[in-house]
Amino acid sequence: MTASPSNVRLQRAYDEPTPDDGHRVLVDRVWPRGRTKEQLRLDAWARDLGPSTQLRKWFGHDPARWAEFQARYRAELADPDRAQALDALAERARRGPVTLVFGARDSEHNQAVVIADELERRLGAAGGSPTPGLGPSHD
C-alpha cells in the first residue's frame, strides 16, 4: 500500500486490509476475481468511478497507453455524476483516511492512480473546499 501526505491511499484488492485504512472504497467496475466481501472489508463499491468497459479494454494495462488512458479517463471522470462522487470522496478524505482499492496487478498504471490524483487536486483546491468539475487544466 502506498500513502501520500494526504489521507488518500491505494491498495490492491489482493493485499490484506490494515487497521489504518480508514474508509475502504473499491474503484473497479468489475469485482476482483477470487475475493469475497469479507476479505475486502469494503465500506463502499464505487463501480461507476471505474473506467468504461470500452476504455478499460482498450487500455489493457499497457504502460505504453498510460498517458492516453489518463487523458481519456479524466474526460470520463469529468461527467457531472462522477465529479460529484469524486467530490464526496475528497470530502471524506478531509476527515480521515480513504483507501482506494483496485484489482490491477500494475500498481502504477491503473484507474486508482488517476482517481487518487483527482482527489489530491480537490484536496489542494484553494479554500480547502471541493471544486465541482475540477479536472486537468489545459489553459
Protein backbone atom coordinates (compact mmCIF):
# COMPACT_ATOMS: atom_id res chain seq x y z
CA MET A 1 0.00 0.00 0.00
CA THR A 2 1.20 3.49 -0.77
CA ALA A 3 0.25 6.61 1.09
CA SER A 4 0.69 10.23 0.29
CA PRO A 5 0.96 13.10 2.76
CA SER A 6 -2.81 13.40 2.47
CA ASN A 7 -5.37 10.85 3.58
CA VAL A 8 -5.70 9.21 0.15
CA ARG A 9 -4.14 5.75 -0.07
CA LEU A 10 -4.01 2.99 -2.67
CA GLN A 11 -4.20 -0.75 -2.06
CA ARG A 12 -4.53 -3.82 -4.25
CA ALA A 13 -7.63 -5.89 -3.62
CA TYR A 14 -5.35 -8.90 -3.14
CA ASP A 15 -3.46 -7.33 -0.23
CA GLU A 16 -4.82 -7.68 3.28
CA PRO A 17 -6.69 -4.69 4.73
CA THR A 18 -4.98 -2.88 7.59
CA PRO A 19 -6.47 -1.17 10.65
CA ASP A 20 -5.35 2.28 9.44
CA ASP A 21 -7.02 2.00 6.00
CA GLY A 22 -9.94 4.14 7.10
CA HIS A 23 -12.81 4.26 4.58
CA ARG A 24 -12.16 1.49 2.01
CA VAL A 25 -13.63 2.00 -1.47
CA LEU A 26 -13.38 -0.42 -4.38
CA VAL A 27 -12.91 1.69 -7.53
CA ASP A 28 -13.17 -1.10 -10.13
CA ARG A 29 -16.18 -1.54 -12.39
CA VAL A 30 -15.81 -5.33 -12.03
CA TRP A 31 -15.42 -7.30 -8.79
CA PRO A 32 -11.87 -8.57 -8.15
CA ARG A 33 -11.69 -12.23 -9.15
CA GLY A 34 -11.48 -14.68 -6.27
CA ARG A 35 -12.08 -12.10 -3.50
CA THR A 36 -15.05 -12.11 -1.13
CA LYS A 37 -16.77 -9.20 0.58
CA GLU A 38 -15.37 -10.45 3.86
CA GLN A 39 -11.80 -10.49 2.52
CA LEU A 40 -12.03 -6.99 1.06
CA ARG A 41 -13.77 -5.39 4.07
CA LEU A 42 -15.10 -2.54 1.94
CA ASP A 43 -17.12 0.42 3.10
CA ALA A 44 -18.26 1.17 -0.46
CA TRP A 45 -18.03 -0.02 -4.05
CA ALA A 46 -17.81 2.98 -6.37
CA ARG A 47 -18.20 0.92 -9.56
CA ASP A 48 -19.36 3.97 -11.52
CA LEU A 49 -15.97 5.59 -10.92
CA GLY A 50 -14.25 2.77 -12.78
CA PRO A 51 -13.34 3.37 -16.43
CA SER A 52 -15.91 2.47 -19.07
CA THR A 53 -15.71 -1.08 -20.38
CA GLN A 54 -14.60 0.28 -23.75
CA LEU A 55 -11.76 2.31 -22.23
CA ARG A 56 -10.72 -0.49 -19.88
CA LYS A 57 -10.49 -3.00 -22.73
CA TRP A 58 -8.64 -0.53 -24.99
CA PHE A 59 -6.08 0.22 -22.26
CA GLY A 60 -5.48 -3.41 -21.31
CA HIS A 61 -3.00 -2.18 -18.66
CA ASP A 62 -0.46 -1.47 -21.40
CA PRO A 63 2.03 1.07 -19.95
CA ALA A 64 2.62 2.40 -23.48
CA ARG A 65 -1.03 3.58 -23.48
CA TRP A 66 -0.87 5.10 -19.97
CA ALA A 67 -0.71 8.78 -20.97
CA GLU A 68 -3.62 8.44 -23.39
CA PHE A 69 -5.57 6.34 -20.89
CA GLN A 70 -5.19 9.07 -18.27
CA ALA A 71 -6.46 11.74 -20.67
CA ARG A 72 -9.46 9.66 -21.77
CA TYR A 73 -10.26 8.56 -18.25
CA ARG A 74 -10.09 12.12 -16.88
CA ALA A 75 -12.61 13.06 -19.57
CA GLU A 76 -14.90 10.29 -18.27
CA LEU A 77 -14.40 11.46 -14.68
CA ALA A 78 -15.49 14.97 -15.69
CA ASP A 79 -19.05 13.65 -16.11
CA PRO A 80 -21.18 15.50 -13.51
CA ASP A 81 -22.24 12.34 -11.63
CA ARG A 82 -18.67 11.07 -11.45
CA ALA A 83 -17.34 14.50 -10.48
CA GLN A 84 -19.88 14.61 -7.66
CA ALA A 85 -18.74 11.16 -6.46
CA LEU A 86 -15.12 12.37 -6.52
CA ASP A 87 -16.07 15.47 -4.55
CA ALA A 88 -17.76 13.28 -1.92
CA LEU A 89 -14.65 11.07 -1.63
CA ALA A 90 -12.43 14.14 -1.32
CA GLU A 91 -14.65 15.47 1.45
CA ARG A 92 -14.36 12.14 3.27
CA ALA A 93 -10.56 12.27 2.84
CA ARG A 94 -10.55 15.67 4.55
CA ARG A 95 -11.94 13.96 7.64
CA GLY A 96 -9.76 10.84 7.65
CA PRO A 97 -8.03 8.13 5.63
CA VAL A 98 -9.61 6.88 2.40
CA THR A 99 -8.16 3.78 0.78
CA LEU A 100 -8.86 3.26 -2.92
CA VAL A 101 -8.95 -0.48 -3.54
CA PHE A 102 -8.19 -1.79 -7.04
CA GLY A 103 -7.68 -5.18 -8.63
CA ALA A 104 -4.97 -4.45 -11.22
CA ARG A 105 -1.57 -6.12 -10.87
CA ASP A 106 0.21 -2.97 -12.01
CA SER A 107 0.09 -0.59 -9.06
CA GLU A 108 1.42 2.37 -11.08
CA HIS A 109 -0.77 2.21 -14.20
CA ASN A 110 -4.42 1.83 -13.16
CA GLN A 111 -7.55 3.88 -12.59
CA ALA A 112 -6.99 4.17 -8.83
CA VAL A 113 -3.83 6.21 -9.52
CA VAL A 114 -5.85 8.64 -11.65
CA ILE A 115 -8.65 8.81 -9.07
CA ALA A 116 -6.13 9.48 -6.30
CA ASP A 117 -4.64 12.31 -8.37
CA GLU A 118 -8.10 13.79 -8.93
CA LEU A 119 -8.78 13.59 -5.19
CA GLU A 120 -5.46 15.28 -4.44
CA ARG A 121 -6.41 18.10 -6.83
CA ARG A 122 -9.67 18.59 -4.95
CA LEU A 123 -7.96 18.45 -1.57
CA GLY A 124 -5.42 21.02 -2.71
CA ALA A 125 -8.02 23.38 -4.16
CA ALA A 126 -7.86 26.96 -2.87
CA GLY A 127 -10.00 27.47 0.17
CA GLY A 128 -9.93 23.79 1.03
CA SER A 129 -13.33 23.02 -0.49
CA PRO A 130 -14.13 20.72 -3.40
CA THR A 131 -14.34 22.35 -6.79
CA PRO A 132 -17.10 20.76 -8.90
CA GLY A 133 -15.86 19.53 -12.25
CA LEU A 134 -12.21 20.15 -11.43
CA GLY A 135 -10.05 18.40 -13.96
CA PRO A 136 -6.75 18.87 -15.70
CA SER A 137 -6.22 22.42 -16.83
CA HIS A 138 -5.33 22.90 -20.48
CA ASP A 139 -5.44 26.71 -20.47
